[in-house]
Amino acid sequence: MASKHSNACCETPVPVNVADYHAQGKYFDIHGERVYVAGDKTATRAIVWVFDIFGFSPQTLRGADTVATSLSSSSKGPAAVLVPDWFDGAVADKAWVPPVTDEQAAKLGNFIKTKAALELVVPRVLKFAEELKQQQPVLPNVQTLGIFGFCWGGKLASIACQKSSNSVFAVAVQTSPSRADPEEAAYISVPMALLLSKDEDLKTMQKFYGNLPSSDKFMERFEGQIHGWMSGRGDLSDLMIKAEVERGYKLAVEFFEKYL
């Protein structure tokens, strides 16, 4: 079954005035990728972050720090969070979403077809994950990986966790999944959690969830939240939204803690 970007993915507005965030992590070069790293660099566990089309937004960096901090005192040992720059410095312009003019629509479409093309980024994600387990100086002890996908990144998480991907990842979480394909779900080989906004098609997501072969799965719909509320579209100046963002990350951390 072919899948396409939902209306919510392309039309949900992005907050314009987002407060700056003082990130706690640092940027490193890991196997040629520019990577934001949060958490303990001696960790044996790590989560590979696949952000939405807005890249290193303040909301994304805050989320990465939140997950790393939450797992820092785990009985299993800490987990590092890694956010590679999948777009090589490019991001989708907030002014393109939702597109008002034909020019904006064309630019958004071009970005998705080029910088965010699945056929380009999925192999890059898998290669990065495989090489991460090899000897490298930034996180020399990493043995087990999870993947956290946001909107567009959720689609990548689904593909990266197929049985054909040699079990690079041990666990996956998606939030505001984009282009969800229920038929694709049947080939996912790892525990997976789905954190939905009100904007994803519920019937499609229920089928997707039902087709996940593992009994180790979780799904919750955040009825009052828009597509992308946990990433670049989240308006953290709204205390109710902020509370639901934090609840979403709490659920994600609990799932990673259980299976990573």
C-alpha atoms as a PDB file:
ATOM      1  CA  MET A   1       0.000   0.000   0.000  1.00  0.00           C
ATOM      2  CA  ALA A   2       1.369   3.386  -0.935  1.00  0.00           C
ATOM      3  CA  SER A   3       1.465   6.004   1.770  1.00  0.00           C
ATOM      4  CA  LYS A   4       1.493   9.762   1.474  1.00  0.00           C
ATOM      5  CA  HIS A   5       1.961  12.752   3.715  1.00  0.00           C
ATOM      6  CA  SER A   6      -1.208  13.589   5.622  1.00  0.00           C
ATOM      7  CA  ASN A   7      -2.876  16.972   5.414  1.00  0.00           C
ATOM      8  CA  ALA A   8      -1.851  17.536   9.038  1.00  0.00           C
ATOM      9  CA  CYS A   9       1.795  16.934   8.203  1.00  0.00           C
ATOM     10  CA  CYS A  10       1.833  19.621   5.521  1.00  0.00           C
ATOM     11  CA  GLU A  11      -0.787  22.031   6.843  1.00  0.00           C
ATOM     12  CA  THR A  12      -0.453  22.224  10.640  1.00  0.00           C
ATOM     13  CA  PRO A  13       1.005  25.670  11.478  1.00  0.00           C
ATOM     14  CA  VAL A  14       4.348  26.078  13.197  1.00  0.00           C
ATOM     15  CA  PRO A  15       4.712  28.500  16.145  1.00  0.00           C
ATOM     16  CA  VAL A  16       6.642  31.548  15.000  1.00  0.00           C
ATOM     17  CA  ASN A  17       7.919  32.966  18.285  1.00  0.00           C
ATOM     18  CA  VAL A  18       9.631  30.066  20.028  1.00  0.00           C
ATOM     19  CA  ALA A  19      11.731  30.821  23.093  1.00  0.00           C
ATOM     20  CA  ASP A  20      15.421  30.044  22.812  1.00  0.00           C
ATOM     21  CA  TYR A  21      16.594  26.952  24.645  1.00  0.00           C
ATOM     22  CA  HIS A  22      20.028  26.530  26.207  1.00  0.00           C
ATOM     23  CA  ALA A  23      20.960  23.044  25.093  1.00  0.00           C
ATOM     24  CA  GLN A  24      22.768  20.837  27.610  1.00  0.00           C
ATOM     25  CA  GLY A  25      24.533  18.618  25.091  1.00  0.00           C
ATOM     26  CA  LYS A  26      27.302  19.244  22.586  1.00  0.00           C
ATOM     27  CA  TYR A  27      27.924  18.690  18.887  1.00  0.00           C
ATOM     28  CA  PHE A  28      30.449  16.100  17.730  1.00  0.00           C
ATOM     29  CA  ASP A  29      31.598  14.560  14.478  1.00  0.00           C
ATOM     30  CA  ILE A  30      30.765  10.848  14.486  1.00  0.00           C
ATOM     31  CA  HIS A  31      31.701   8.907  11.362  1.00  0.00           C
ATOM     32  CA  GLY A  32      31.334  12.043   9.266  1.00  0.00           C
ATOM     33  CA  GLU A  33      27.959  13.081  10.677  1.00  0.00           C
ATOM     34  CA  ARG A  34      27.432  16.251  12.718  1.00  0.00           C
ATOM     35  CA  VAL A  35      25.644  14.933  15.802  1.00  0.00           C
ATOM     36  CA  TYR A  36      24.108  16.589  18.848  1.00  0.00           C
ATOM     37  CA  VAL A  37      24.896  14.334  21.816  1.00  0.00           C
ATOM     38  CA  ALA A  38      23.060  14.533  25.138  1.00  0.00           C
ATOM     39  CA  GLY A  39      23.709  12.356  28.155  1.00  0.00           C
ATOM     40  CA  ASP A  40      26.533  10.177  29.435  1.00  0.00           C
ATOM     41  CA  LYS A  41      29.129   9.421  26.759  1.00  0.00           C
ATOM     42  CA  THR A  42      30.195   6.258  28.621  1.00  0.00           C
ATOM     43  CA  ALA A  43      26.728   4.759  28.086  1.00  0.00           C
ATOM     44  CA  THR A  44      26.280   1.333  26.528  1.00  0.00           C
ATOM     45  CA  ARG A  45      22.777   2.297  25.336  1.00  0.00           C
ATOM     46  CA  ALA A  46      21.884   5.075  22.929  1.00  0.00           C
ATOM     47  CA  ILE A  47      18.816   6.470  21.188  1.00  0.00           C
ATOM     48  CA  VAL A  48      19.137   7.699  17.611  1.00  0.00           C
ATOM     49  CA  TRP A  49      16.817  10.660  17.054  1.00  0.00           C
ATOM     50  CA  VAL A  50      15.185  11.285  13.680  1.00  0.00           C
ATOM     51  CA  PHE A  51      13.729  14.774  13.915  1.00  0.00           C
ATOM     52  CA  ASP A  52      10.926  16.340  11.904  1.00  0.00           C
ATOM     53  CA  ILE A  53      11.533  18.546   8.864  1.00  0.00           C
ATOM     54  CA  PHE A  54      12.318  21.531  11.111  1.00  0.00           C
ATOM     55  CA  GLY A  55      15.619  20.017  12.235  1.00  0.00           C
ATOM     56  CA  PHE A  56      17.391  21.236  15.376  1.00  0.00           C
ATOM     57  CA  SER A  57      14.481  23.277  16.712  1.00  0.00           C
ATOM     58  CA  PRO A  58      14.506  24.385  20.371  1.00  0.00           C
ATOM     59  CA  GLN A  59      11.711  21.872  21.011  1.00  0.00           C
ATOM     60  CA  THR A  60      13.811  19.060  19.550  1.00  0.00           C
ATOM     61  CA  LEU A  61      16.917  19.871  21.589  1.00  0.00           C
ATOM     62  CA  ARG A  62      14.831  20.221  24.738  1.00  0.00           C
ATOM     63  CA  GLY A  63      13.274  16.822  24.065  1.00  0.00           C
ATOM     64  CA  ALA A  64      16.639  15.156  23.522  1.00  0.00           C
ATOM     65  CA  ASP A  65      17.950  16.591  26.779  1.00  0.00           C
ATOM     66  CA  THR A  66      14.795  15.505  28.597  1.00  0.00           C
ATOM     67  CA  VAL A  67      15.139  11.894  27.464  1.00  0.00           C
ATOM     68  CA  ALA A  68      18.854  11.748  28.271  1.00  0.00           C
ATOM     69  CA  THR A  69      18.342  13.261  31.723  1.00  0.00           C
ATOM     70  CA  SER A  70      15.417  10.964  32.487  1.00  0.00           C
ATOM     71  CA  LEU A  71      17.513   7.885  31.704  1.00  0.00           C
ATOM     72  CA  SER A  72      20.649   9.095  33.485  1.00  0.00           C
ATOM     73  CA  SER A  73      19.879   7.323  36.762  1.00  0.00           C
ATOM     74  CA  SER A  74      18.467   4.109  35.286  1.00  0.00           C
ATOM     75  CA  SER A  75      19.260   0.811  36.993  1.00  0.00           C
ATOM     76  CA  LYS A  76      20.350  -0.395  33.540  1.00  0.00           C
ATOM     77  CA  GLY A  77      22.829   2.437  33.307  1.00  0.00           C
ATOM     78  CA  PRO A  78      22.474   5.719  31.428  1.00  0.00           C
ATOM     79  CA  ALA A  79      21.520   6.105  27.785  1.00  0.00           C
ATOM     80  CA  ALA A  80      22.924   8.736  25.465  1.00  0.00           C
ATOM     81  CA  VAL A  81      20.730  10.528  22.937  1.00  0.00           C
ATOM     82  CA  LEU A  82      22.138  11.281  19.490  1.00  0.00           C
ATOM     83  CA  VAL A  83      20.575  13.719  17.040  1.00  0.00           C
ATOM     84  CA  PRO A  84      22.405  13.623  13.693  1.00  0.00           C
ATOM     85  CA  ASP A  85      21.973  16.454  11.207  1.00  0.00           C
ATOM     86  CA  TRP A  86      20.119  14.428   8.597  1.00  0.00           C
ATOM     87  CA  PHE A  87      19.582  17.488   6.363  1.00  0.00           C
ATOM     88  CA  ASP A  88      23.178  18.781   6.424  1.00  0.00           C
ATOM     89  CA  GLY A  89      22.237  22.175   7.797  1.00  0.00           C
ATOM     90  CA  ALA A  90      19.075  22.660   5.754  1.00  0.00           C
ATOM     91  CA  VAL A  91      15.588  22.787   7.305  1.00  0.00           C
ATOM     92  CA  ALA A  92      12.073  23.387   6.087  1.00  0.00           C
ATOM     93  CA  ASP A  93      11.205  27.072   6.427  1.00  0.00           C
ATOM     94  CA  LYS A  94       8.371  27.673   8.878  1.00  0.00           C
ATOM     95  CA  ALA A  95       6.847  30.050   6.324  1.00  0.00           C
ATOM     96  CA  TRP A  96       6.235  27.094   4.007  1.00  0.00           C
ATOM     97  CA  VAL A  97       3.922  25.368   6.495  1.00  0.00           C
ATOM     98  CA  PRO A  98       1.128  25.564   5.722  1.00  0.00           C
ATOM     99  CA  PRO A  99       1.969  26.733   2.201  1.00  0.00           C
ATOM    100  CA  VAL A 100      -0.024  29.811   1.241  1.00  0.00           C
ATOM    101  CA  THR A 101       1.420  30.416  -2.211  1.00  0.00           C
ATOM    102  CA  ASP A 102       2.320  28.107  -5.072  1.00  0.00           C
ATOM    103  CA  GLU A 103       5.962  29.039  -4.531  1.00  0.00           C
ATOM    104  CA  GLN A 104       5.862  27.959  -0.886  1.00  0.00           C
ATOM    105  CA  ALA A 105       4.147  24.700  -1.811  1.00  0.00           C
ATOM    106  CA  ALA A 106       6.798  24.042  -4.443  1.00  0.00           C
ATOM    107  CA  LYS A 107       9.633  24.729  -2.000  1.00  0.00           C
ATOM    108  CA  LEU A 108       8.123  22.448   0.643  1.00  0.00           C
ATOM    109  CA  GLY A 109       7.580  19.705  -1.906  1.00  0.00           C
ATOM    110  CA  ASN A 110      11.117  20.056  -3.202  1.00  0.00           C
ATOM    111  CA  PHE A 111      12.568  19.831   0.309  1.00  0.00           C
ATOM    112  CA  ILE A 112      10.638  16.624   1.004  1.00  0.00           C
ATOM    113  CA  LYS A 113      11.718  15.132  -2.332  1.00  0.00           C
ATOM    114  CA  THR A 114      15.385  16.068  -1.948  1.00  0.00           C
ATOM    115  CA  LYS A 115      16.790  16.672   1.535  1.00  0.00           C
ATOM    116  CA  ALA A 116      14.096  14.532   3.186  1.00  0.00           C
ATOM    117  CA  ALA A 117      13.867  11.840   0.502  1.00  0.00           C
ATOM    118  CA  LEU A 118      13.368   8.469   2.181  1.00  0.00           C
ATOM    119  CA  GLU A 119      15.535   6.663  -0.350  1.00  0.00           C
ATOM    120  CA  LEU A 120      18.433   8.921   0.652  1.00  0.00           C
ATOM    121  CA  VAL A 121      17.978   9.243   4.398  1.00  0.00           C
ATOM    122  CA  VAL A 122      16.960   5.687   5.378  1.00  0.00           C
ATOM    123  CA  PRO A 123      20.274   4.146   4.217  1.00  0.00           C
ATOM    124  CA  ARG A 124      22.070   6.972   5.972  1.00  0.00           C
ATOM    125  CA  VAL A 125      20.260   6.239   9.244  1.00  0.00           C
ATOM    126  CA  LEU A 126      21.072   2.527   9.029  1.00  0.00           C
ATOM    127  CA  LYS A 127      24.702   3.164   8.106  1.00  0.00           C
ATOM    128  CA  PHE A 128      25.113   5.601  10.988  1.00  0.00           C
ATOM    129  CA  ALA A 129      23.598   3.112  13.439  1.00  0.00           C
ATOM    130  CA  GLU A 130      25.766   0.246  12.244  1.00  0.00           C
ATOM    131  CA  GLU A 131      28.931   2.334  12.404  1.00  0.00           C
ATOM    132  CA  LEU A 132      27.993   3.694  15.817  1.00  0.00           C
ATOM    133  CA  LYS A 133      28.485   0.230  17.271  1.00  0.00           C
ATOM    134  CA  GLN A 134      31.989   0.159  15.857  1.00  0.00           C
ATOM    135  CA  GLN A 135      34.899   1.720  17.667  1.00  0.00           C
ATOM    136  CA  GLN A 136      34.635   5.515  17.747  1.00  0.00           C
ATOM    137  CA  PRO A 137      35.911   7.964  20.368  1.00  0.00           C
ATOM    138  CA  VAL A 138      32.754   9.898  21.266  1.00  0.00           C
ATOM    139  CA  LEU A 139      30.643   6.999  22.574  1.00  0.00           C
ATOM    140  CA  PRO A 140      33.073   4.073  22.685  1.00  0.00           C
ATOM    141  CA  ASN A 141      30.874   1.708  24.708  1.00  0.00           C
ATOM    142  CA  VAL A 142      27.596   1.771  22.770  1.00  0.00           C
ATOM    143  CA  GLN A 143      26.195  -1.704  22.170  1.00  0.00           C
ATOM    144  CA  THR A 144      22.410  -1.330  21.971  1.00  0.00           C
ATOM    145  CA  LEU A 145      20.395   1.227  20.020  1.00  0.00           C
ATOM    146  CA  GLY A 146      16.850   2.527  19.976  1.00  0.00           C
ATOM    147  CA  ILE A 147      15.306   4.915  17.461  1.00  0.00           C
ATOM    148  CA  PHE A 148      12.918   7.825  18.110  1.00  0.00           C
ATOM    149  CA  GLY A 149      11.095   9.224  15.086  1.00  0.00           C
ATOM    150  CA  PHE A 150       9.078  12.439  14.863  1.00  0.00           C
ATOM    151  CA  CYS A 151       6.489  12.975  12.098  1.00  0.00           C
ATOM    152  CA  TRP A 152       8.625  12.464   8.966  1.00  0.00           C
ATOM    153  CA  GLY A 153      11.152  10.725  11.213  1.00  0.00           C
ATOM    154  CA  GLY A 154       8.500   8.249  12.310  1.00  0.00           C
ATOM    155  CA  LYS A 155       8.281   6.906   8.767  1.00  0.00           C
ATOM    156  CA  LEU A 156      12.032   6.422   8.794  1.00  0.00           C
ATOM    157  CA  ALA A 157      11.810   4.571  12.105  1.00  0.00           C
ATOM    158  CA  SER A 158       9.228   2.208  10.611  1.00  0.00           C
ATOM    159  CA  ILE A 159      11.427   1.424   7.623  1.00  0.00           C
ATOM    160  CA  ALA A 160      14.622   1.180   9.679  1.00  0.00           C
ATOM    161  CA  CYS A 161      13.022  -1.416  11.958  1.00  0.00           C
ATOM    162  CA  GLN A 162      11.910  -3.802   9.208  1.00  0.00           C
ATOM    163  CA  LYS A 163      13.041  -7.420   9.495  1.00  0.00           C
ATOM    164  CA  SER A 164      15.256  -6.826   6.465  1.00  0.00           C
ATOM    165  CA  SER A 165      17.306  -4.213   8.355  1.00  0.00           C
ATOM    166  CA  ASN A 166      19.328  -6.785  10.334  1.00  0.00           C
ATOM    167  CA  SER A 167      18.000  -5.708  13.742  1.00  0.00           C
ATOM    168  CA  VAL A 168      20.157  -2.607  13.956  1.00  0.00           C
ATOM    169  CA  PHE A 169      17.684  -1.165  16.473  1.00  0.00           C
ATOM    170  CA  ALA A 170      16.271  -2.933  19.530  1.00  0.00           C
ATOM    171  CA  VAL A 171      13.252  -0.679  20.098  1.00  0.00           C
ATOM    172  CA  ALA A 172      11.430   2.209  18.428  1.00  0.00           C
ATOM    173  CA  VAL A 173       9.098   5.047  19.379  1.00  0.00           C
ATOM    174  CA  GLN A 174       7.143   7.213  16.941  1.00  0.00           C
ATOM    175  CA  THR A 175       5.246  10.381  17.698  1.00  0.00           C
ATOM    176  CA  SER A 176       2.845  12.067  15.252  1.00  0.00           C
ATOM    177  CA  PRO A 177       3.617   9.365  12.670  1.00  0.00           C
ATOM    178  CA  SER A 178       3.634  10.508   9.065  1.00  0.00           C
ATOM    179  CA  ARG A 179       2.807   8.314   6.063  1.00  0.00           C
ATOM    180  CA  ALA A 180       1.881   5.357   8.264  1.00  0.00           C
ATOM    181  CA  ASP A 181       1.313   2.201   6.205  1.00  0.00           C
ATOM    182  CA  PRO A 182      -0.507  -0.644   8.010  1.00  0.00           C
ATOM    183  CA  GLU A 183       0.939  -3.200   5.592  1.00  0.00           C
ATOM    184  CA  GLU A 184       4.443  -2.019   6.434  1.00  0.00           C
ATOM    185  CA  ALA A 185       3.793  -2.561  10.141  1.00  0.00           C
ATOM    186  CA  ALA A 186       3.608  -6.332   9.686  1.00  0.00           C
ATOM    187  CA  TYR A 187       7.335  -6.420   8.905  1.00  0.00           C
ATOM    188  CA  ILE A 188       8.521  -4.398  11.892  1.00  0.00           C
ATOM    189  CA  SER A 189      10.686  -6.642  14.027  1.00  0.00           C
ATOM    190  CA  VAL A 190      11.098  -4.699  17.290  1.00  0.00           C
ATOM    191  CA  PRO A 191       8.928  -3.385  20.149  1.00  0.00           C
ATOM    192  CA  MET A 192       7.304  -0.123  19.052  1.00  0.00           C
ATOM    193  CA  ALA A 193       5.360   2.645  20.786  1.00  0.00           C
ATOM    194  CA  LEU A 194       3.069   5.051  18.936  1.00  0.00           C
ATOM    195  CA  LEU A 195       2.241   8.440  20.450  1.00  0.00           C
ATOM    196  CA  LEU A 196      -0.495   9.979  18.336  1.00  0.00           C
ATOM    197  CA  SER A 197      -1.908  13.462  18.057  1.00  0.00           C
ATOM    198  CA  LYS A 198      -5.554  14.142  17.265  1.00  0.00           C
ATOM    199  CA  ASP A 199      -4.618  14.718  13.627  1.00  0.00           C
ATOM    200  CA  GLU A 200      -3.431  11.277  12.528  1.00  0.00           C
ATOM    201  CA  ASP A 201      -6.123   9.098  10.953  1.00  0.00           C
ATOM    202  CA  LEU A 202      -7.232   6.886  13.832  1.00  0.00           C
ATOM    203  CA  LYS A 203      -8.445   3.962  11.715  1.00  0.00           C
ATOM    204  CA  THR A 204      -5.152   3.848   9.843  1.00  0.00           C
ATOM    205  CA  MET A 205      -3.165   3.945  13.065  1.00  0.00           C
ATOM    206  CA  GLN A 206      -5.328   1.260  14.683  1.00  0.00           C
ATOM    207  CA  LYS A 207      -4.657  -1.003  11.708  1.00  0.00           C
ATOM    208  CA  PHE A 208      -0.961  -0.174  11.882  1.00  0.00           C
ATOM    209  CA  TYR A 209      -0.873  -0.990  15.590  1.00  0.00           C
ATOM    210  CA  GLY A 210      -2.849  -4.196  15.102  1.00  0.00           C
ATOM    211  CA  ASN A 211      -0.436  -5.381  12.421  1.00  0.00           C
ATOM    212  CA  LEU A 212       2.653  -4.944  14.578  1.00  0.00           C
ATOM    213  CA  PRO A 213       3.732  -8.568  15.130  1.00  0.00           C
ATOM    214  CA  SER A 214       5.306  -8.096  18.539  1.00  0.00           C
ATOM    215  CA  SER A 215       3.111  -8.127  21.633  1.00  0.00           C
ATOM    216  CA  ASP A 216       5.574  -5.612  23.055  1.00  0.00           C
ATOM    217  CA  LYS A 217       3.832  -2.505  21.771  1.00  0.00           C
ATOM    218  CA  PHE A 218       2.019   0.560  23.031  1.00  0.00           C
ATOM    219  CA  MET A 219      -0.235   3.223  21.554  1.00  0.00           C
ATOM    220  CA  GLU A 220      -1.810   6.321  23.050  1.00  0.00           C
ATOM    221  CA  ARG A 221      -3.662   9.164  21.363  1.00  0.00           C
ATOM    222  CA  PHE A 222      -3.274  12.675  22.764  1.00  0.00           C
ATOM    223  CA  GLU A 223      -6.748  13.926  21.909  1.00  0.00           C
ATOM    224  CA  GLY A 224      -6.092  17.626  22.438  1.00  0.00           C
ATOM    225  CA  GLN A 225      -2.733  17.878  20.680  1.00  0.00           C
ATOM    226  CA  ILE A 226      -1.855  18.820  17.108  1.00  0.00           C
ATOM    227  CA  HIS A 227       0.380  16.894  14.746  1.00  0.00           C
ATOM    228  CA  GLY A 228       3.990  17.531  15.780  1.00  0.00           C
ATOM    229  CA  TRP A 229       3.222  18.734  19.296  1.00  0.00           C
ATOM    230  CA  MET A 230       6.275  16.932  20.708  1.00  0.00           C
ATOM    231  CA  SER A 231       8.663  18.479  18.192  1.00  0.00           C
ATOM    232  CA  GLY A 232       8.855  21.563  15.972  1.00  0.00           C
ATOM    233  CA  ARG A 233       5.152  22.410  16.136  1.00  0.00           C
ATOM    234  CA  GLY A 234       4.870  22.312  19.918  1.00  0.00           C
ATOM    235  CA  ASP A 235       3.976  25.672  21.468  1.00  0.00           C
ATOM    236  CA  LEU A 236       5.721  25.328  24.826  1.00  0.00           C
ATOM    237  CA  SER A 237       4.525  28.764  25.935  1.00  0.00           C
ATOM    238  CA  ASP A 238       1.114  27.138  26.431  1.00  0.00           C
ATOM    239  CA  LEU A 239       1.307  25.369  29.794  1.00  0.00           C
ATOM    240  CA  MET A 240      -1.302  22.770  28.872  1.00  0.00           C
ATOM    241  CA  ILE A 241       0.583  21.839  25.708  1.00  0.00           C
ATOM    242  CA  LYS A 242       3.868  21.792  27.605  1.00  0.00           C
ATOM    243  CA  ALA A 243       2.375  19.386  30.149  1.00  0.00           C
ATOM    244  CA  GLU A 244       1.263  17.037  27.366  1.00  0.00           C
ATOM    245  CA  VAL A 245       4.685  17.265  25.729  1.00  0.00           C
ATOM    246  CA  GLU A 246       6.250  16.240  29.022  1.00  0.00           C
ATOM    247  CA  ARG A 247       3.756  13.402  29.427  1.00  0.00           C
ATOM    248  CA  GLY A 248       4.584  12.188  25.936  1.00  0.00           C
ATOM    249  CA  TYR A 249       8.280  12.124  26.718  1.00  0.00           C
ATOM    250  CA  LYS A 250       7.604  10.328  29.996  1.00  0.00           C
ATOM    251  CA  LEU A 251       5.793   7.557  28.121  1.00  0.00           C
ATOM    252  CA  ALA A 252       8.595   7.361  25.560  1.00  0.00           C
ATOM    253  CA  VAL A 253      11.242   7.126  28.278  1.00  0.00           C
ATOM    254  CA  GLU A 254       9.325   4.343  30.028  1.00  0.00           C
ATOM    255  CA  PHE A 255       9.123   2.365  26.791  1.00  0.00           C
ATOM    256  CA  PHE A 256      12.801   2.824  25.983  1.00  0.00           C
ATOM    257  CA  GLU A 257      13.730   1.902  29.537  1.00  0.00           C
ATOM    258  CA  LYS A 258      11.795  -1.345  29.264  1.00  0.00           C
ATOM    259  CA  TYR A 259      13.194  -2.559  25.962  1.00  0.00           C
ATOM    260  CA  LEU A 260      16.561  -0.836  25.468  1.00  0.00           C
END
